[in-house]
Amino acid sequence: MSAAQQRRYRNALEAALAAGHAVLVAGGSSLDAVCAAVVELEDSPLFNAGRGAVVNADGKPELDAGVMDGATLAAGAVAAVSRIRNPVLAARAVMEKSRHVLLVGRGAERFAASQGLKMAGAAYFAARKSMSSRHGTVGAVALDRAGNLAAATSTGGYAGKLPGRVGDSPIVGAGTYADNAACAVSGTGLGEAFIRTVLAYDVAARMRYRRDSLAGAARKALATVGRLGGDGGLIAVDRRGRIVMPFSSEGMYRACLDAAGRSTVALFG
């Protein structure tokens, strides 16, 4: 990757970080913050989510997203959608405006439209039809002034996937999880392995029941993915504001801002 390309990714990560941080500084909720950060990433053509999503074996984008509120354990998700501009907002609408947790396909799209969310045609998602990367995900986690945690995750899955395939991002406990009693987690990697190990919940469960630290719980949860032949990474924050961003893949584009105002933006090691 050229230096210019790296700068583009770093700038995009910083913009998402700023969008979420602005919400928290203004006294907004962690749920508002993670949604704001993920919308910024979905709107960018650089990432495999929203506008920049890869396409499936039929040459069409199919998007997944999930959100979770650590204060109430409320969650919402959409999967296998192709016409919703910001799937993360549709996931939040499912959580807040319906009795359900997960809506898929055309039903999810009809619901999103009924809630006034922006829809998009096929041309909007055309930016990365030739992308060769197999998988990728965007996500955000946050802790707000009230002590509430939240997580949000959005993805286009992996290039060439079978139509109708759903990954870990919209599955509560797999790619997305938040619980004020432990932590908030958003994961990226081989979705099938993340689902089989219930990775995001595994991190929280290790903290609650084994009294592991956030770093230890995240490391051990990722190790279970590795034993299944998968790789990837996660971002997580606990109720005391401690942040971890471990990964077992070659790199993970990531950024964070802690309570002391220290920011980190990194792409690889």
C-alpha atoms as a PDB file:
ATOM      1  CA  MET A   1       0.000   0.000   0.000  1.00  0.00           C
ATOM      2  CA  SER A   2       1.386   3.377  -0.985  1.00  0.00           C
ATOM      3  CA  ALA A   3       1.872   6.173   1.514  1.00  0.00           C
ATOM      4  CA  ALA A   4      -0.961   8.098  -0.169  1.00  0.00           C
ATOM      5  CA  GLN A   5      -3.340   5.150   0.223  1.00  0.00           C
ATOM      6  CA  GLN A   6      -2.407   4.760   3.854  1.00  0.00           C
ATOM      7  CA  ARG A   7      -3.148   8.435   4.451  1.00  0.00           C
ATOM      8  CA  ARG A   8      -6.608   8.011   2.920  1.00  0.00           C
ATOM      9  CA  TYR A   9      -7.421   5.174   5.307  1.00  0.00           C
ATOM     10  CA  ARG A  10      -5.990   7.005   8.292  1.00  0.00           C
ATOM     11  CA  ASN A  11      -7.997  10.119   7.456  1.00  0.00           C
ATOM     12  CA  ALA A  12     -11.175   8.058   7.128  1.00  0.00           C
ATOM     13  CA  LEU A  13     -10.565   6.363  10.479  1.00  0.00           C
ATOM     14  CA  GLU A  14      -9.901   9.721  12.124  1.00  0.00           C
ATOM     15  CA  ALA A  15     -13.141  11.093  10.670  1.00  0.00           C
ATOM     16  CA  ALA A  16     -15.126   8.185  12.118  1.00  0.00           C
ATOM     17  CA  LEU A  17     -13.398   8.584  15.468  1.00  0.00           C
ATOM     18  CA  ALA A  18     -14.197  12.298  15.462  1.00  0.00           C
ATOM     19  CA  ALA A  19     -17.844  11.666  14.588  1.00  0.00           C
ATOM     20  CA  GLY A  20     -18.314   9.319  17.520  1.00  0.00           C
ATOM     21  CA  HIS A  21     -16.295  11.441  19.926  1.00  0.00           C
ATOM     22  CA  ALA A  22     -18.297  14.561  19.082  1.00  0.00           C
ATOM     23  CA  VAL A  23     -21.443  12.772  20.234  1.00  0.00           C
ATOM     24  CA  LEU A  24     -19.874  11.768  23.546  1.00  0.00           C
ATOM     25  CA  VAL A  25     -18.399  15.230  24.210  1.00  0.00           C
ATOM     26  CA  ALA A  26     -21.846  16.719  23.719  1.00  0.00           C
ATOM     27  CA  GLY A  27     -23.242  14.355  26.352  1.00  0.00           C
ATOM     28  CA  GLY A  28     -24.781  11.937  23.877  1.00  0.00           C
ATOM     29  CA  SER A  29     -25.236   8.237  24.429  1.00  0.00           C
ATOM     30  CA  SER A  30     -22.787   5.522  23.563  1.00  0.00           C
ATOM     31  CA  LEU A  31     -25.395   4.122  21.166  1.00  0.00           C
ATOM     32  CA  ASP A  32     -25.569   7.438  19.316  1.00  0.00           C
ATOM     33  CA  ALA A  33     -21.774   7.560  19.214  1.00  0.00           C
ATOM     34  CA  VAL A  34     -21.213   4.099  17.718  1.00  0.00           C
ATOM     35  CA  CYS A  35     -23.897   4.674  15.111  1.00  0.00           C
ATOM     36  CA  ALA A  36     -22.362   8.017  14.125  1.00  0.00           C
ATOM     37  CA  ALA A  37     -18.922   6.442  13.739  1.00  0.00           C
ATOM     38  CA  VAL A  38     -20.189   3.500  11.691  1.00  0.00           C
ATOM     39  CA  VAL A  39     -22.285   5.729   9.406  1.00  0.00           C
ATOM     40  CA  GLU A  40     -19.088   7.630   8.614  1.00  0.00           C
ATOM     41  CA  LEU A  41     -17.402   4.372   7.624  1.00  0.00           C
ATOM     42  CA  GLU A  42     -20.420   3.093   5.680  1.00  0.00           C
ATOM     43  CA  ASP A  43     -20.475   6.298   3.651  1.00  0.00           C
ATOM     44  CA  SER A  44     -16.832   5.911   2.674  1.00  0.00           C
ATOM     45  CA  PRO A  45     -15.965   3.904  -0.463  1.00  0.00           C
ATOM     46  CA  LEU A  46     -12.779   2.681   1.239  1.00  0.00           C
ATOM     47  CA  PHE A  47     -14.323   0.074   3.518  1.00  0.00           C
ATOM     48  CA  ASN A  48     -16.247  -3.135   2.954  1.00  0.00           C
ATOM     49  CA  ALA A  49     -19.532  -1.854   4.363  1.00  0.00           C
ATOM     50  CA  GLY A  50     -22.287   0.355   3.020  1.00  0.00           C
ATOM     51  CA  ARG A  51     -21.141   2.222  -0.077  1.00  0.00           C
ATOM     52  CA  GLY A  52     -17.848   0.332  -0.376  1.00  0.00           C
ATOM     53  CA  ALA A  53     -19.257  -3.169   0.042  1.00  0.00           C
ATOM     54  CA  VAL A  54     -17.951  -6.039  -2.048  1.00  0.00           C
ATOM     55  CA  VAL A  55     -20.329  -8.139  -4.143  1.00  0.00           C
ATOM     56  CA  ASN A  56     -21.500 -11.732  -3.884  1.00  0.00           C
ATOM     57  CA  ALA A  57     -21.281 -14.527  -6.470  1.00  0.00           C
ATOM     58  CA  ASP A  58     -24.152 -12.920  -8.397  1.00  0.00           C
ATOM     59  CA  GLY A  59     -22.315  -9.599  -8.586  1.00  0.00           C
ATOM     60  CA  LYS A  60     -24.623  -7.885  -6.084  1.00  0.00           C
ATOM     61  CA  PRO A  61     -23.915  -6.344  -2.677  1.00  0.00           C
ATOM     62  CA  GLU A  62     -25.584  -7.964   0.330  1.00  0.00           C
ATOM     63  CA  LEU A  63     -25.063  -6.070   3.557  1.00  0.00           C
ATOM     64  CA  ASP A  64     -25.346  -7.006   7.242  1.00  0.00           C
ATOM     65  CA  ALA A  65     -25.309  -4.832  10.360  1.00  0.00           C
ATOM     66  CA  GLY A  66     -26.037  -5.084  14.061  1.00  0.00           C
ATOM     67  CA  VAL A  67     -26.209  -2.830  17.124  1.00  0.00           C
ATOM     68  CA  MET A  68     -26.493  -3.523  20.843  1.00  0.00           C
ATOM     69  CA  ASP A  69     -27.174  -1.367  23.897  1.00  0.00           C
ATOM     70  CA  GLY A  70     -25.203  -2.513  26.935  1.00  0.00           C
ATOM     71  CA  ALA A  71     -27.549  -0.805  29.390  1.00  0.00           C
ATOM     72  CA  THR A  72     -30.626  -2.818  28.411  1.00  0.00           C
ATOM     73  CA  LEU A  73     -29.227  -5.694  26.292  1.00  0.00           C
ATOM     74  CA  ALA A  74     -31.531  -4.466  23.540  1.00  0.00           C
ATOM     75  CA  ALA A  75     -30.254  -5.368  20.079  1.00  0.00           C
ATOM     76  CA  GLY A  76     -31.236  -4.953  16.453  1.00  0.00           C
ATOM     77  CA  ALA A  77     -29.884  -6.215  13.160  1.00  0.00           C
ATOM     78  CA  VAL A  78     -30.470  -6.499   9.429  1.00  0.00           C
ATOM     79  CA  ALA A  79     -28.951  -9.013   7.038  1.00  0.00           C
ATOM     80  CA  ALA A  80     -28.744  -9.745   3.320  1.00  0.00           C
ATOM     81  CA  VAL A  81     -29.980  -6.275   2.352  1.00  0.00           C
ATOM     82  CA  SER A  82     -29.054  -4.550  -0.901  1.00  0.00           C
ATOM     83  CA  ARG A  83     -30.918  -1.246  -0.986  1.00  0.00           C
ATOM     84  CA  ILE A  84     -30.334   0.344   2.429  1.00  0.00           C
ATOM     85  CA  ARG A  85     -27.768   3.140   2.353  1.00  0.00           C
ATOM     86  CA  ASN A  86     -26.810   2.830   6.026  1.00  0.00           C
ATOM     87  CA  PRO A  87     -27.548  -0.652   7.346  1.00  0.00           C
ATOM     88  CA  VAL A  88     -26.428   0.305  10.856  1.00  0.00           C
ATOM     89  CA  LEU A  89     -29.308   2.782  11.096  1.00  0.00           C
ATOM     90  CA  ALA A  90     -31.711   0.107   9.899  1.00  0.00           C
ATOM     91  CA  ALA A  91     -30.373  -2.215  12.600  1.00  0.00           C
ATOM     92  CA  ARG A  92     -31.019   0.462  15.203  1.00  0.00           C
ATOM     93  CA  ALA A  93     -34.537   0.998  13.866  1.00  0.00           C
ATOM     94  CA  VAL A  94     -35.233  -2.731  14.214  1.00  0.00           C
ATOM     95  CA  MET A  95     -34.107  -2.494  17.841  1.00  0.00           C
ATOM     96  CA  GLU A  96     -36.082   0.623  18.698  1.00  0.00           C
ATOM     97  CA  LYS A  97     -39.107   0.517  16.384  1.00  0.00           C
ATOM     98  CA  SER A  98     -40.016  -3.160  16.173  1.00  0.00           C
ATOM     99  CA  ARG A  99     -40.547  -6.138  18.455  1.00  0.00           C
ATOM    100  CA  HIS A 100     -37.796  -8.052  16.687  1.00  0.00           C
ATOM    101  CA  VAL A 101     -34.030  -8.400  16.807  1.00  0.00           C
ATOM    102  CA  LEU A 102     -33.167  -9.462  13.252  1.00  0.00           C
ATOM    103  CA  LEU A 103     -34.838  -8.723   9.911  1.00  0.00           C
ATOM    104  CA  VAL A 104     -33.449  -9.978   6.598  1.00  0.00           C
ATOM    105  CA  GLY A 105     -33.701  -9.319   2.867  1.00  0.00           C
ATOM    106  CA  ARG A 106     -36.679  -7.597   1.357  1.00  0.00           C
ATOM    107  CA  GLY A 107     -38.569  -7.532   4.633  1.00  0.00           C
ATOM    108  CA  ALA A 108     -35.747  -5.599   6.244  1.00  0.00           C
ATOM    109  CA  GLU A 109     -35.637  -3.214   3.282  1.00  0.00           C
ATOM    110  CA  ARG A 110     -39.389  -2.562   3.444  1.00  0.00           C
ATOM    111  CA  PHE A 111     -39.126  -1.907   7.157  1.00  0.00           C
ATOM    112  CA  ALA A 112     -36.201   0.484   6.700  1.00  0.00           C
ATOM    113  CA  ALA A 113     -38.098   2.403   4.024  1.00  0.00           C
ATOM    114  CA  SER A 114     -41.147   2.611   6.302  1.00  0.00           C
ATOM    115  CA  GLN A 115     -38.955   4.241   8.943  1.00  0.00           C
ATOM    116  CA  GLY A 116     -37.809   6.921   6.509  1.00  0.00           C
ATOM    117  CA  LEU A 117     -34.253   5.662   6.134  1.00  0.00           C
ATOM    118  CA  LYS A 118     -32.348   6.494   2.969  1.00  0.00           C
ATOM    119  CA  MET A 119     -32.412   3.850   0.267  1.00  0.00           C
ATOM    120  CA  ALA A 120     -29.929   3.508  -2.590  1.00  0.00           C
ATOM    121  CA  GLY A 121     -29.828   1.999  -6.065  1.00  0.00           C
ATOM    122  CA  ALA A 122     -27.305  -0.484  -7.413  1.00  0.00           C
ATOM    123  CA  ALA A 123     -25.065   2.275  -8.806  1.00  0.00           C
ATOM    124  CA  TYR A 124     -24.428   3.619  -5.310  1.00  0.00           C
ATOM    125  CA  PHE A 125     -22.664   0.389  -4.329  1.00  0.00           C
ATOM    126  CA  ALA A 126     -20.693   0.020  -7.574  1.00  0.00           C
ATOM    127  CA  ALA A 127     -17.422   1.418  -6.233  1.00  0.00           C
ATOM    128  CA  ARG A 128     -15.835  -1.903  -5.255  1.00  0.00           C
ATOM    129  CA  LYS A 129     -17.184  -4.496  -7.681  1.00  0.00           C
ATOM    130  CA  SER A 130     -13.609  -5.436  -8.592  1.00  0.00           C
ATOM    131  CA  MET A 131     -12.283  -5.582  -5.032  1.00  0.00           C
ATOM    132  CA  SER A 132     -10.226  -8.703  -4.428  1.00  0.00           C
ATOM    133  CA  SER A 133     -10.233  -8.722  -0.616  1.00  0.00           C
ATOM    134  CA  ARG A 134     -12.287 -11.618   0.697  1.00  0.00           C
ATOM    135  CA  HIS A 135     -13.681 -10.087   3.840  1.00  0.00           C
ATOM    136  CA  GLY A 136     -13.867  -6.958   5.932  1.00  0.00           C
ATOM    137  CA  THR A 137     -16.062  -5.225   8.462  1.00  0.00           C
ATOM    138  CA  VAL A 138     -16.426  -1.860  10.155  1.00  0.00           C
ATOM    139  CA  GLY A 139     -17.458  -1.373  13.741  1.00  0.00           C
ATOM    140  CA  ALA A 140     -17.397   0.876  16.777  1.00  0.00           C
ATOM    141  CA  VAL A 141     -17.651   0.500  20.546  1.00  0.00           C
ATOM    142  CA  ALA A 142     -18.107   3.247  23.111  1.00  0.00           C
ATOM    143  CA  LEU A 143     -18.547   4.090  26.776  1.00  0.00           C
ATOM    144  CA  ASP A 144     -20.490   7.261  27.586  1.00  0.00           C
ATOM    145  CA  ARG A 145     -20.599   9.613  30.571  1.00  0.00           C
ATOM    146  CA  ALA A 146     -23.490   7.691  32.109  1.00  0.00           C
ATOM    147  CA  GLY A 147     -21.383   4.535  32.136  1.00  0.00           C
ATOM    148  CA  ASN A 148     -23.317   2.848  29.357  1.00  0.00           C
ATOM    149  CA  LEU A 149     -21.656   0.705  26.711  1.00  0.00           C
ATOM    150  CA  ALA A 150     -22.722   0.113  23.103  1.00  0.00           C
ATOM    151  CA  ALA A 151     -21.450  -1.684  20.015  1.00  0.00           C
ATOM    152  CA  ALA A 152     -22.250  -1.476  16.307  1.00  0.00           C
ATOM    153  CA  THR A 153     -20.934  -3.501  13.370  1.00  0.00           C
ATOM    154  CA  SER A 154     -21.555  -3.325   9.608  1.00  0.00           C
ATOM    155  CA  THR A 155     -20.208  -5.340   6.687  1.00  0.00           C
ATOM    156  CA  GLY A 156     -20.501  -6.372   3.075  1.00  0.00           C
ATOM    157  CA  GLY A 157     -19.341  -9.880   3.949  1.00  0.00           C
ATOM    158  CA  TYR A 158     -16.684 -11.414   1.748  1.00  0.00           C
ATOM    159  CA  ALA A 159     -16.298 -11.135  -1.997  1.00  0.00           C
ATOM    160  CA  GLY A 160     -17.909 -13.941  -3.978  1.00  0.00           C
ATOM    161  CA  LYS A 161     -19.982 -15.291  -1.084  1.00  0.00           C
ATOM    162  CA  LEU A 162     -23.087 -17.318  -1.888  1.00  0.00           C
ATOM    163  CA  PRO A 163     -26.230 -15.192  -2.196  1.00  0.00           C
ATOM    164  CA  GLY A 164     -28.070 -15.196   1.111  1.00  0.00           C
ATOM    165  CA  ARG A 165     -24.972 -15.844   3.209  1.00  0.00           C
ATOM    166  CA  VAL A 166     -25.107 -14.043   6.556  1.00  0.00           C
ATOM    167  CA  GLY A 167     -21.975 -13.437   8.579  1.00  0.00           C
ATOM    168  CA  ASP A 168     -21.292 -12.730  12.221  1.00  0.00           C
ATOM    169  CA  SER A 169     -21.858  -8.957  12.231  1.00  0.00           C
ATOM    170  CA  PRO A 170     -25.658  -9.039  12.712  1.00  0.00           C
ATOM    171  CA  ILE A 171     -25.598 -12.052  15.050  1.00  0.00           C
ATOM    172  CA  VAL A 172     -25.865 -11.023  18.699  1.00  0.00           C
ATOM    173  CA  GLY A 173     -22.885 -12.452  20.551  1.00  0.00           C
ATOM    174  CA  ALA A 174     -20.927 -13.401  17.451  1.00  0.00           C
ATOM    175  CA  GLY A 175     -19.729 -10.174  15.815  1.00  0.00           C
ATOM    176  CA  THR A 176     -21.502  -7.674  18.069  1.00  0.00           C
ATOM    177  CA  TYR A 177     -22.160  -7.605  21.803  1.00  0.00           C
ATOM    178  CA  ALA A 178     -22.501  -5.072  24.623  1.00  0.00           C
ATOM    179  CA  ASP A 179     -23.243  -5.538  28.313  1.00  0.00           C
ATOM    180  CA  ASN A 180     -22.675  -2.868  30.946  1.00  0.00           C
ATOM    181  CA  ALA A 181     -21.628  -5.614  33.348  1.00  0.00           C
ATOM    182  CA  ALA A 182     -18.591  -6.407  31.204  1.00  0.00           C
ATOM    183  CA  CYS A 183     -17.720  -4.800  27.881  1.00  0.00           C
ATOM    184  CA  ALA A 184     -18.729  -3.846  24.350  1.00  0.00           C
ATOM    185  CA  VAL A 185     -17.241  -5.782  21.426  1.00  0.00           C
ATOM    186  CA  SER A 186     -17.228  -5.484  17.624  1.00  0.00           C
ATOM    187  CA  GLY A 187     -15.397  -8.105  15.595  1.00  0.00           C
ATOM    188  CA  THR A 188     -14.000  -8.568  12.114  1.00  0.00           C
ATOM    189  CA  GLY A 189     -12.673 -11.671  10.424  1.00  0.00           C
ATOM    190  CA  LEU A 190     -13.888 -15.060   9.236  1.00  0.00           C
ATOM    191  CA  GLY A 191     -17.569 -14.763  10.124  1.00  0.00           C
ATOM    192  CA  GLU A 192     -18.287 -18.467  10.174  1.00  0.00           C
ATOM    193  CA  ALA A 193     -15.624 -19.016  12.845  1.00  0.00           C
ATOM    194  CA  PHE A 194     -16.845 -16.021  14.845  1.00  0.00           C
ATOM    195  CA  ILE A 195     -20.375 -17.458  14.826  1.00  0.00           C
ATOM    196  CA  ARG A 196     -19.219 -20.934  15.848  1.00  0.00           C
ATOM    197  CA  THR A 197     -17.234 -19.569  18.807  1.00  0.00           C
ATOM    198  CA  VAL A 198     -19.746 -16.797  19.679  1.00  0.00           C
ATOM    199  CA  LEU A 199     -16.681 -14.598  19.853  1.00  0.00           C
ATOM    200  CA  ALA A 200     -18.100 -11.295  21.081  1.00  0.00           C
ATOM    201  CA  TYR A 201     -20.116 -12.905  23.872  1.00  0.00           C
ATOM    202  CA  ASP A 202     -17.159 -15.104  24.750  1.00  0.00           C
ATOM    203  CA  VAL A 203     -15.138 -12.010  25.614  1.00  0.00           C
ATOM    204  CA  ALA A 204     -17.878 -10.707  27.906  1.00  0.00           C
ATOM    205  CA  ALA A 205     -18.513 -14.116  29.473  1.00  0.00           C
ATOM    206  CA  ARG A 206     -14.843 -14.619  30.306  1.00  0.00           C
ATOM    207  CA  MET A 207     -14.886 -11.265  32.084  1.00  0.00           C
ATOM    208  CA  ARG A 208     -18.097 -11.941  33.996  1.00  0.00           C
ATOM    209  CA  TYR A 209     -17.628 -15.560  34.999  1.00  0.00           C
ATOM    210  CA  ARG A 210     -13.868 -16.103  34.995  1.00  0.00           C
ATOM    211  CA  ARG A 211     -13.015 -12.561  36.108  1.00  0.00           C
ATOM    212  CA  ASP A 212     -10.560 -12.244  33.234  1.00  0.00           C
ATOM    213  CA  SER A 213      -9.266  -8.809  32.309  1.00  0.00           C
ATOM    214  CA  LEU A 214     -10.530  -7.305  29.081  1.00  0.00           C
ATOM    215  CA  ALA A 215      -7.189  -7.932  27.400  1.00  0.00           C
ATOM    216  CA  GLY A 216      -7.001 -11.516  28.611  1.00  0.00           C
ATOM    217  CA  ALA A 217     -10.583 -12.299  27.644  1.00  0.00           C
ATOM    218  CA  ALA A 218     -10.118 -10.851  24.160  1.00  0.00           C
ATOM    219  CA  ARG A 219      -6.881 -12.746  23.612  1.00  0.00           C
ATOM    220  CA  LYS A 220      -8.377 -16.082  24.679  1.00  0.00           C
ATOM    221  CA  ALA A 221     -11.535 -15.568  22.637  1.00  0.00           C
ATOM    222  CA  LEU A 222      -9.492 -14.878  19.506  1.00  0.00           C
ATOM    223  CA  ALA A 223      -7.446 -17.991  20.203  1.00  0.00           C
ATOM    224  CA  THR A 224     -10.588 -20.125  19.946  1.00  0.00           C
ATOM    225  CA  VAL A 225     -11.181 -18.675  16.480  1.00  0.00           C
ATOM    226  CA  GLY A 226      -7.631 -19.571  15.556  1.00  0.00           C
ATOM    227  CA  ARG A 227      -8.163 -23.178  16.589  1.00  0.00           C
ATOM    228  CA  LEU A 228     -10.949 -23.367  14.009  1.00  0.00           C
ATOM    229  CA  GLY A 229      -8.613 -22.068  11.316  1.00  0.00           C
ATOM    230  CA  GLY A 230     -10.024 -18.546  11.351  1.00  0.00           C
ATOM    231  CA  ASP A 231      -8.364 -15.189  11.826  1.00  0.00           C
ATOM    232  CA  GLY A 232      -9.465 -11.632  12.445  1.00  0.00           C
ATOM    233  CA  GLY A 233      -9.631  -9.166  15.264  1.00  0.00           C
ATOM    234  CA  LEU A 234     -11.873  -7.169  17.538  1.00  0.00           C
ATOM    235  CA  ILE A 235     -12.233  -3.827  19.229  1.00  0.00           C
ATOM    236  CA  ALA A 236     -13.550  -3.697  22.772  1.00  0.00           C
ATOM    237  CA  VAL A 237     -14.010  -1.325  25.688  1.00  0.00           C
ATOM    238  CA  ASP A 238     -14.994  -2.244  29.236  1.00  0.00           C
ATOM    239  CA  ARG A 239     -17.044  -0.414  31.839  1.00  0.00           C
ATOM    240  CA  ARG A 240     -13.918   1.280  33.221  1.00  0.00           C
ATOM    241  CA  GLY A 241     -12.934   2.657  29.832  1.00  0.00           C
ATOM    242  CA  ARG A 242     -10.103   0.238  29.125  1.00  0.00           C
ATOM    243  CA  ILE A 243      -9.644  -0.377  25.396  1.00  0.00           C
ATOM    244  CA  VAL A 244      -8.171  -3.325  23.498  1.00  0.00           C
ATOM    245  CA  MET A 245      -7.839  -3.888  19.748  1.00  0.00           C
ATOM    246  CA  PRO A 246      -6.159  -7.295  19.262  1.00  0.00           C
ATOM    247  CA  PHE A 247      -5.974  -9.132  15.947  1.00  0.00           C
ATOM    248  CA  SER A 248      -4.513 -12.347  14.540  1.00  0.00           C
ATOM    249  CA  SER A 249      -4.613 -11.292  10.885  1.00  0.00           C
ATOM    250  CA  GLU A 250      -1.885  -9.431   8.963  1.00  0.00           C
ATOM    251  CA  GLY A 251      -3.407  -6.132   9.985  1.00  0.00           C
ATOM    252  CA  MET A 252      -6.552  -4.436  11.243  1.00  0.00           C
ATOM    253  CA  TYR A 253      -7.366  -0.812  10.460  1.00  0.00           C
ATOM    254  CA  ARG A 254      -8.267   0.665  13.817  1.00  0.00           C
ATOM    255  CA  ALA A 255      -8.502   3.848  15.855  1.00  0.00           C
ATOM    256  CA  CYS A 256      -9.367   4.733  19.417  1.00  0.00           C
ATOM    257  CA  LEU A 257      -9.592   7.675  21.786  1.00  0.00           C
ATOM    258  CA  ASP A 258      -9.353   7.053  25.525  1.00  0.00           C
ATOM    259  CA  ALA A 259     -10.733   9.010  28.470  1.00  0.00           C
ATOM    260  CA  ALA A 260      -7.450  10.916  28.810  1.00  0.00           C
ATOM    261  CA  GLY A 261      -7.746  12.169  25.246  1.00  0.00           C
ATOM    262  CA  ARG A 262      -4.982   9.965  23.835  1.00  0.00           C
ATOM    263  CA  SER A 263      -5.724   8.808  20.302  1.00  0.00           C
ATOM    264  CA  THR A 264      -4.327   5.902  18.331  1.00  0.00           C
ATOM    265  CA  VAL A 265      -4.696   5.250  14.597  1.00  0.00           C
ATOM    266  CA  ALA A 266      -3.014   2.187  13.091  1.00  0.00           C
ATOM    267  CA  LEU A 267      -3.331  -0.072  10.056  1.00  0.00           C
ATOM    268  CA  PHE A 268      -0.987  -3.002  10.564  1.00  0.00           C
ATOM    269  CA  GLY A 269       1.331  -3.825  13.492  1.00  0.00           C
END
